[in-house]
Amino acid sequence: MAITATPTATDLILVMDNGTGASGQQLTISRTFGDVKPAATHADIYSVAQSLLGLQSKTNVAIQRRDFNEIADV
């Protein structure tokens, strides 16, 4: 049985600092940008993320890429 994965969608997620909680833990807020081309390279997505971070007032904690795949038995 051969299982294949076909990329269907990609999201860019910016995780930013949102202060400190009552017990001292770091709070974060995420901004998700959908409709990213699944064929986009990591470098391209990182470059776009850097541009978007310049428009944010909060400090960046992480840049994440979330890929969605459809898997099927062929």
C-alpha atoms as a PDB file:
ATOM      1  CA  MET A   1       0.000   0.000   0.000  1.00  0.00           C
ATOM      2  CA  ALA A   2       1.510   3.299  -1.137  1.00  0.00           C
ATOM      3  CA  ILE A   3       0.325   6.404   0.684  1.00  0.00           C
ATOM      4  CA  THR A   4       0.925   9.785  -0.922  1.00  0.00           C
ATOM      5  CA  ALA A   5       0.580  13.257   0.561  1.00  0.00           C
ATOM      6  CA  THR A   6      -0.592  16.152  -1.596  1.00  0.00           C
ATOM      7  CA  PRO A   7      -0.039  19.671  -0.211  1.00  0.00           C
ATOM      8  CA  THR A   8      -3.357  21.535  -0.103  1.00  0.00           C
ATOM      9  CA  ALA A   9      -2.763  24.679   1.972  1.00  0.00           C
ATOM     10  CA  THR A  10      -0.182  26.564   4.003  1.00  0.00           C
ATOM     11  CA  ASP A  11      -0.518  29.186   6.755  1.00  0.00           C
ATOM     12  CA  LEU A  12       2.033  31.669   8.087  1.00  0.00           C
ATOM     13  CA  ILE A  13       1.725  32.232  11.833  1.00  0.00           C
ATOM     14  CA  LEU A  14       3.400  35.070  13.710  1.00  0.00           C
ATOM     15  CA  VAL A  15       3.630  34.471  17.457  1.00  0.00           C
ATOM     16  CA  MET A  16       4.206  37.657  19.453  1.00  0.00           C
ATOM     17  CA  ASP A  17       4.772  38.572  23.085  1.00  0.00           C
ATOM     18  CA  ASN A  18       1.625  39.733  24.878  1.00  0.00           C
ATOM     19  CA  GLY A  19       3.014  40.470  28.324  1.00  0.00           C
ATOM     20  CA  THR A  20       3.242  38.430  31.499  1.00  0.00           C
ATOM     21  CA  GLY A  21       0.454  36.535  33.258  1.00  0.00           C
ATOM     22  CA  ALA A  22      -0.476  36.802  36.920  1.00  0.00           C
ATOM     23  CA  SER A  23       1.763  33.865  37.863  1.00  0.00           C
ATOM     24  CA  GLY A  24       4.711  35.114  35.803  1.00  0.00           C
ATOM     25  CA  GLN A  25       4.234  33.019  32.652  1.00  0.00           C
ATOM     26  CA  GLN A  26       4.771  34.587  29.234  1.00  0.00           C
ATOM     27  CA  LEU A  27       1.584  35.337  27.320  1.00  0.00           C
ATOM     28  CA  THR A  28       1.563  35.228  23.536  1.00  0.00           C
ATOM     29  CA  ILE A  29      -0.767  36.259  20.757  1.00  0.00           C
ATOM     30  CA  SER A  30      -0.814  34.724  17.284  1.00  0.00           C
ATOM     31  CA  ARG A  31      -1.612  36.261  13.921  1.00  0.00           C
ATOM     32  CA  THR A  32      -2.415  33.740  11.187  1.00  0.00           C
ATOM     33  CA  PHE A  33      -2.120  34.524   7.491  1.00  0.00           C
ATOM     34  CA  GLY A  34      -3.761  31.934   5.259  1.00  0.00           C
ATOM     35  CA  ASP A  35      -3.737  31.265   1.535  1.00  0.00           C
ATOM     36  CA  VAL A  36       0.050  30.928   1.352  1.00  0.00           C
ATOM     37  CA  LYS A  37       1.096  28.901  -1.664  1.00  0.00           C
ATOM     38  CA  PRO A  38       2.113  25.407  -0.520  1.00  0.00           C
ATOM     39  CA  ALA A  39       5.025  25.530  -2.979  1.00  0.00           C
ATOM     40  CA  ALA A  40       6.519  28.599  -1.253  1.00  0.00           C
ATOM     41  CA  THR A  41       9.988  27.996   0.145  1.00  0.00           C
ATOM     42  CA  HIS A  42      10.835  28.446   3.816  1.00  0.00           C
ATOM     43  CA  ALA A  43      13.089  31.379   2.856  1.00  0.00           C
ATOM     44  CA  ASP A  44      10.261  33.123   0.980  1.00  0.00           C
ATOM     45  CA  ILE A  45       7.854  32.715   3.890  1.00  0.00           C
ATOM     46  CA  TYR A  46      10.487  33.946   6.353  1.00  0.00           C
ATOM     47  CA  SER A  47      11.116  37.024   4.195  1.00  0.00           C
ATOM     48  CA  VAL A  48       7.409  37.875   4.093  1.00  0.00           C
ATOM     49  CA  ALA A  49       7.167  37.304   7.849  1.00  0.00           C
ATOM     50  CA  GLN A  50      10.008  39.756   8.461  1.00  0.00           C
ATOM     51  CA  SER A  51       8.166  42.383   6.419  1.00  0.00           C
ATOM     52  CA  LEU A  52       4.923  41.786   8.322  1.00  0.00           C
ATOM     53  CA  LEU A  53       6.710  41.958  11.674  1.00  0.00           C
ATOM     54  CA  GLY A  54       7.803  45.479  10.771  1.00  0.00           C
ATOM     55  CA  LEU A  55       4.118  46.441  10.874  1.00  0.00           C
ATOM     56  CA  GLN A  56       3.511  44.933  14.329  1.00  0.00           C
ATOM     57  CA  SER A  57       3.942  46.804  17.597  1.00  0.00           C
ATOM     58  CA  LYS A  58       4.563  43.638  19.644  1.00  0.00           C
ATOM     59  CA  THR A  59       7.858  41.725  19.957  1.00  0.00           C
ATOM     60  CA  ASN A  60       8.222  38.591  17.834  1.00  0.00           C
ATOM     61  CA  VAL A  61       8.538  35.267  19.674  1.00  0.00           C
ATOM     62  CA  ALA A  62       8.319  32.829  16.739  1.00  0.00           C
ATOM     63  CA  ILE A  63       7.575  32.479  13.042  1.00  0.00           C
ATOM     64  CA  GLN A  64       5.687  29.296  12.215  1.00  0.00           C
ATOM     65  CA  ARG A  65       4.638  27.552   9.047  1.00  0.00           C
ATOM     66  CA  ARG A  66       1.649  25.208   9.126  1.00  0.00           C
ATOM     67  CA  ASP A  67       1.207  22.862   6.159  1.00  0.00           C
ATOM     68  CA  PHE A  68      -1.946  20.902   5.380  1.00  0.00           C
ATOM     69  CA  ASN A  69      -1.770  17.741   3.281  1.00  0.00           C
ATOM     70  CA  GLU A  70      -4.338  15.405   1.842  1.00  0.00           C
ATOM     71  CA  ILE A  71      -3.220  11.815   2.176  1.00  0.00           C
ATOM     72  CA  ALA A  72      -4.500   9.007   0.004  1.00  0.00           C
ATOM     73  CA  ASP A  73      -3.843   5.366  -0.843  1.00  0.00           C
ATOM     74  CA  VAL A  74      -2.823   5.074  -4.496  1.00  0.00           C
END
